[in-house]
Amino acid sequence: MHHGGFRGPRYAQLDEDYKVRVAYRRALLKQDKLWKAVVTDRLASGSDDKKADPVVEEWASMNEAALATIQVSVNPVHLNTVTSVDTAKQAGDALKVMYEARDNAQLLRLMDEMSSLKRSDDDNIIQFASSAKMLRDKLAIVGETPCQG
């Protein structure tokens, strides 16, 4: 695990591409041996004294570090989403829901653009094909492959 010094935002620059950002965050958290906290919500303790259980203590420490890593790594506009939760798993789940909703809205907009794409009198065939390809590429980025003609 990295100790000392501020490592700062590491994937905020990838804010527009959720899939790339998730892969990068997963790799970063795995590198720091914190991924288990993101995929496991609170561990149950066999004893009444949660502090006495070393497994629970280890998870709590891992969760705290993973949550902090996520919090310093998001775009500032999304900070409230990841600071209003208690676990790294909850933060990851909240970001997933938020970005899936954004991607779905973008997908609908792009599909509407694709369905209403028409060649104008000013467009030559190359300009029209270029516009169609750009839309197709944008659709592929958000996870929808348009039908091949």
C-alpha atoms as a PDB file:
ATOM      1  CA  MET A   1       0.000   0.000   0.000  1.00  0.00           C
ATOM      2  CA  HIS A   2       1.231   3.523  -0.728  1.00  0.00           C
ATOM      3  CA  HIS A   3       2.044   5.579   2.351  1.00  0.00           C
ATOM      4  CA  GLY A   4       2.751   9.269   2.655  1.00  0.00           C
ATOM      5  CA  GLY A   5       2.246  12.076   0.185  1.00  0.00           C
ATOM      6  CA  PHE A   6      -0.926  13.034  -1.611  1.00  0.00           C
ATOM      7  CA  ARG A   7      -1.527  10.906  -4.658  1.00  0.00           C
ATOM      8  CA  GLY A   8      -4.401  13.093  -5.784  1.00  0.00           C
ATOM      9  CA  PRO A   9      -7.103  12.466  -8.368  1.00  0.00           C
ATOM     10  CA  ARG A  10      -6.124   9.572 -10.541  1.00  0.00           C
ATOM     11  CA  TYR A  11      -9.111   8.956 -12.738  1.00  0.00           C
ATOM     12  CA  ALA A  12     -11.137  12.150 -12.652  1.00  0.00           C
ATOM     13  CA  GLN A  13      -9.695  12.902 -16.078  1.00  0.00           C
ATOM     14  CA  LEU A  14     -11.517   9.794 -17.288  1.00  0.00           C
ATOM     15  CA  ASP A  15     -14.870  11.088 -16.055  1.00  0.00           C
ATOM     16  CA  GLU A  16     -16.566  10.892 -19.445  1.00  0.00           C
ATOM     17  CA  ASP A  17     -15.803   7.228 -20.055  1.00  0.00           C
ATOM     18  CA  TYR A  18     -17.288   5.243 -17.180  1.00  0.00           C
ATOM     19  CA  LYS A  19     -16.029   1.838 -18.356  1.00  0.00           C
ATOM     20  CA  VAL A  20     -12.422   3.003 -18.612  1.00  0.00           C
ATOM     21  CA  ARG A  21     -12.642   4.774 -15.244  1.00  0.00           C
ATOM     22  CA  VAL A  22     -14.074   1.673 -13.552  1.00  0.00           C
ATOM     23  CA  ALA A  23     -11.325  -0.521 -14.990  1.00  0.00           C
ATOM     24  CA  TYR A  24      -8.694   1.973 -13.852  1.00  0.00           C
ATOM     25  CA  ARG A  25     -10.219   2.293 -10.352  1.00  0.00           C
ATOM     26  CA  ARG A  26     -10.422  -1.505 -10.037  1.00  0.00           C
ATOM     27  CA  ALA A  27      -6.761  -1.861 -10.999  1.00  0.00           C
ATOM     28  CA  LEU A  28      -5.712   0.909  -8.626  1.00  0.00           C
ATOM     29  CA  LEU A  29      -7.631  -0.551  -5.692  1.00  0.00           C
ATOM     30  CA  LYS A  30      -6.360  -4.053  -6.443  1.00  0.00           C
ATOM     31  CA  GLN A  31      -2.822  -2.711  -6.598  1.00  0.00           C
ATOM     32  CA  ASP A  32      -3.308  -1.205  -3.135  1.00  0.00           C
ATOM     33  CA  LYS A  33      -4.974  -4.467  -1.964  1.00  0.00           C
ATOM     34  CA  LEU A  34      -8.228  -2.626  -1.249  1.00  0.00           C
ATOM     35  CA  TRP A  35     -10.568  -4.160  -3.852  1.00  0.00           C
ATOM     36  CA  LYS A  36     -12.103  -6.585  -1.329  1.00  0.00           C
ATOM     37  CA  ALA A  37     -13.642  -3.607   0.496  1.00  0.00           C
ATOM     38  CA  VAL A  38     -15.342  -2.444  -2.707  1.00  0.00           C
ATOM     39  CA  VAL A  39     -16.954  -5.791  -3.485  1.00  0.00           C
ATOM     40  CA  THR A  40     -17.847  -6.741   0.099  1.00  0.00           C
ATOM     41  CA  ASP A  41     -20.109  -4.730   2.278  1.00  0.00           C
ATOM     42  CA  ARG A  42     -19.623  -4.858   6.040  1.00  0.00           C
ATOM     43  CA  LEU A  43     -18.182  -8.091   7.369  1.00  0.00           C
ATOM     44  CA  ALA A  44     -20.133  -9.795  10.126  1.00  0.00           C
ATOM     45  CA  SER A  45     -18.311 -10.505  13.343  1.00  0.00           C
ATOM     46  CA  GLY A  46     -18.782 -13.641  15.364  1.00  0.00           C
ATOM     47  CA  SER A  47     -18.351 -11.702  18.593  1.00  0.00           C
ATOM     48  CA  ASP A  48     -20.328  -8.883  20.156  1.00  0.00           C
ATOM     49  CA  ASP A  49     -17.169  -6.803  20.444  1.00  0.00           C
ATOM     50  CA  LYS A  50     -16.534  -5.714  16.843  1.00  0.00           C
ATOM     51  CA  LYS A  51     -13.159  -4.205  17.789  1.00  0.00           C
ATOM     52  CA  ALA A  52     -11.988  -7.591  19.092  1.00  0.00           C
ATOM     53  CA  ASP A  53     -12.394  -9.324  15.741  1.00  0.00           C
ATOM     54  CA  PRO A  54      -9.189  -8.902  13.674  1.00  0.00           C
ATOM     55  CA  VAL A  55     -10.981  -9.789  10.417  1.00  0.00           C
ATOM     56  CA  VAL A  56     -13.542  -7.033  10.974  1.00  0.00           C
ATOM     57  CA  GLU A  57     -10.778  -4.598  11.965  1.00  0.00           C
ATOM     58  CA  GLU A  58      -8.828  -5.462   8.803  1.00  0.00           C
ATOM     59  CA  TRP A  59     -11.927  -4.952   6.648  1.00  0.00           C
ATOM     60  CA  ALA A  60     -12.729  -1.642   8.383  1.00  0.00           C
ATOM     61  CA  SER A  61      -9.205  -0.378   7.708  1.00  0.00           C
ATOM     62  CA  MET A  62      -9.368  -1.589   4.096  1.00  0.00           C
ATOM     63  CA  ASN A  63     -12.796   0.027   3.653  1.00  0.00           C
ATOM     64  CA  GLU A  64     -11.608   3.348   5.053  1.00  0.00           C
ATOM     65  CA  ALA A  65      -8.617   3.424   2.689  1.00  0.00           C
ATOM     66  CA  ALA A  66     -10.672   2.311  -0.348  1.00  0.00           C
ATOM     67  CA  LEU A  67     -13.427   4.855   0.373  1.00  0.00           C
ATOM     68  CA  ALA A  68     -10.860   7.644   0.750  1.00  0.00           C
ATOM     69  CA  THR A  69      -9.215   6.607  -2.539  1.00  0.00           C
ATOM     70  CA  ILE A  70     -12.573   6.782  -4.311  1.00  0.00           C
ATOM     71  CA  GLN A  71     -13.461  10.104  -2.673  1.00  0.00           C
ATOM     72  CA  VAL A  72     -10.241  11.876  -3.707  1.00  0.00           C
ATOM     73  CA  SER A  73     -10.453  10.406  -7.182  1.00  0.00           C
ATOM     74  CA  VAL A  74     -13.865  11.535  -8.363  1.00  0.00           C
ATOM     75  CA  ASN A  75     -14.739  14.686 -10.218  1.00  0.00           C
ATOM     76  CA  PRO A  76     -15.687  17.361  -7.615  1.00  0.00           C
ATOM     77  CA  VAL A  77     -19.264  17.471  -8.931  1.00  0.00           C
ATOM     78  CA  HIS A  78     -19.688  13.833  -7.779  1.00  0.00           C
ATOM     79  CA  LEU A  79     -18.045  14.245  -4.373  1.00  0.00           C
ATOM     80  CA  ASN A  80     -21.342  14.421  -2.470  1.00  0.00           C
ATOM     81  CA  THR A  81     -22.347  11.060  -3.961  1.00  0.00           C
ATOM     82  CA  VAL A  82     -19.304   9.313  -2.486  1.00  0.00           C
ATOM     83  CA  THR A  83     -19.083  11.225   0.805  1.00  0.00           C
ATOM     84  CA  SER A  84     -22.672  10.520   1.815  1.00  0.00           C
ATOM     85  CA  VAL A  85     -22.029   6.758   2.185  1.00  0.00           C
ATOM     86  CA  ASP A  86     -20.207   4.641   4.759  1.00  0.00           C
ATOM     87  CA  THR A  87     -18.528   1.956   2.673  1.00  0.00           C
ATOM     88  CA  ALA A  88     -16.442   1.726  -0.463  1.00  0.00           C
ATOM     89  CA  LYS A  89     -18.989  -0.730  -1.860  1.00  0.00           C
ATOM     90  CA  GLN A  90     -21.794   1.789  -1.360  1.00  0.00           C
ATOM     91  CA  ALA A  91     -19.686   4.483  -3.066  1.00  0.00           C
ATOM     92  CA  GLY A  92     -18.956   2.195  -6.018  1.00  0.00           C
ATOM     93  CA  ASP A  93     -22.612   1.190  -6.290  1.00  0.00           C
ATOM     94  CA  ALA A  94     -23.753   4.840  -6.130  1.00  0.00           C
ATOM     95  CA  LEU A  95     -21.324   5.858  -8.870  1.00  0.00           C
ATOM     96  CA  LYS A  96     -22.434   2.930 -11.008  1.00  0.00           C
ATOM     97  CA  VAL A  97     -26.117   3.893 -10.729  1.00  0.00           C
ATOM     98  CA  MET A  98     -25.358   7.540 -11.448  1.00  0.00           C
ATOM     99  CA  TYR A  99     -23.231   6.823 -14.515  1.00  0.00           C
ATOM    100  CA  GLU A 100     -25.553   4.150 -15.880  1.00  0.00           C
ATOM    101  CA  ALA A 101     -28.421   6.671 -15.736  1.00  0.00           C
ATOM    102  CA  ARG A 102     -26.266   9.264 -17.519  1.00  0.00           C
ATOM    103  CA  ASP A 103     -25.168   6.715 -20.122  1.00  0.00           C
ATOM    104  CA  ASN A 104     -28.782   5.611 -20.711  1.00  0.00           C
ATOM    105  CA  ALA A 105     -29.876   9.215 -21.281  1.00  0.00           C
ATOM    106  CA  GLN A 106     -26.947   9.751 -23.656  1.00  0.00           C
ATOM    107  CA  LEU A 107     -27.773   6.502 -25.442  1.00  0.00           C
ATOM    108  CA  LEU A 108     -31.381   7.581 -26.015  1.00  0.00           C
ATOM    109  CA  ARG A 109     -30.258  10.961 -27.337  1.00  0.00           C
ATOM    110  CA  LEU A 110     -27.720   9.395 -29.705  1.00  0.00           C
ATOM    111  CA  MET A 111     -30.187   6.773 -30.958  1.00  0.00           C
ATOM    112  CA  ASP A 112     -32.680   9.558 -31.633  1.00  0.00           C
ATOM    113  CA  GLU A 113     -29.982  11.459 -33.550  1.00  0.00           C
ATOM    114  CA  MET A 114     -29.112   8.315 -35.512  1.00  0.00           C
ATOM    115  CA  SER A 115     -32.748   7.602 -36.399  1.00  0.00           C
ATOM    116  CA  SER A 116     -33.314  11.163 -37.599  1.00  0.00           C
ATOM    117  CA  LEU A 117     -30.017  11.464 -39.473  1.00  0.00           C
ATOM    118  CA  LYS A 118     -30.691  12.622 -43.002  1.00  0.00           C
ATOM    119  CA  ARG A 119     -28.418  13.852 -45.713  1.00  0.00           C
ATOM    120  CA  SER A 120     -29.019  17.530 -46.285  1.00  0.00           C
ATOM    121  CA  ASP A 121     -28.736  19.190 -49.673  1.00  0.00           C
ATOM    122  CA  ASP A 122     -25.497  20.844 -48.503  1.00  0.00           C
ATOM    123  CA  ASP A 123     -23.850  17.539 -47.470  1.00  0.00           C
ATOM    124  CA  ASN A 124     -21.876  15.508 -49.914  1.00  0.00           C
ATOM    125  CA  ILE A 125     -21.836  11.740 -49.389  1.00  0.00           C
ATOM    126  CA  ILE A 126     -18.493  11.890 -47.572  1.00  0.00           C
ATOM    127  CA  GLN A 127     -19.768  14.455 -45.032  1.00  0.00           C
ATOM    128  CA  PHE A 128     -22.939  12.428 -44.478  1.00  0.00           C
ATOM    129  CA  ALA A 129     -20.985   9.174 -44.017  1.00  0.00           C
ATOM    130  CA  SER A 130     -18.607  10.940 -41.635  1.00  0.00           C
ATOM    131  CA  SER A 131     -21.541  12.227 -39.536  1.00  0.00           C
ATOM    132  CA  ALA A 132     -23.082   8.755 -39.437  1.00  0.00           C
ATOM    133  CA  LYS A 133     -19.758   7.175 -38.429  1.00  0.00           C
ATOM    134  CA  MET A 134     -19.265   9.731 -35.626  1.00  0.00           C
ATOM    135  CA  LEU A 135     -22.714   8.907 -34.250  1.00  0.00           C
ATOM    136  CA  ARG A 136     -21.997   5.182 -34.537  1.00  0.00           C
ATOM    137  CA  ASP A 137     -18.694   5.618 -32.675  1.00  0.00           C
ATOM    138  CA  LYS A 138     -20.402   7.603 -29.900  1.00  0.00           C
ATOM    139  CA  LEU A 139     -23.039   4.865 -29.596  1.00  0.00           C
ATOM    140  CA  ALA A 140     -20.309   2.235 -29.323  1.00  0.00           C
ATOM    141  CA  ILE A 141     -18.668   4.196 -26.499  1.00  0.00           C
ATOM    142  CA  VAL A 142     -21.858   4.136 -24.416  1.00  0.00           C
ATOM    143  CA  GLY A 143     -22.278   0.448 -25.118  1.00  0.00           C
ATOM    144  CA  GLU A 144     -24.780   0.228 -27.933  1.00  0.00           C
ATOM    145  CA  THR A 145     -23.760  -1.141 -31.309  1.00  0.00           C
ATOM    146  CA  PRO A 146     -26.150   0.133 -33.965  1.00  0.00           C
ATOM    147  CA  CYS A 147     -27.406  -2.325 -36.527  1.00  0.00           C
ATOM    148  CA  GLN A 148     -25.191  -2.782 -39.537  1.00  0.00           C
ATOM    149  CA  GLY A 149     -26.969  -1.859 -42.761  1.00  0.00           C
END
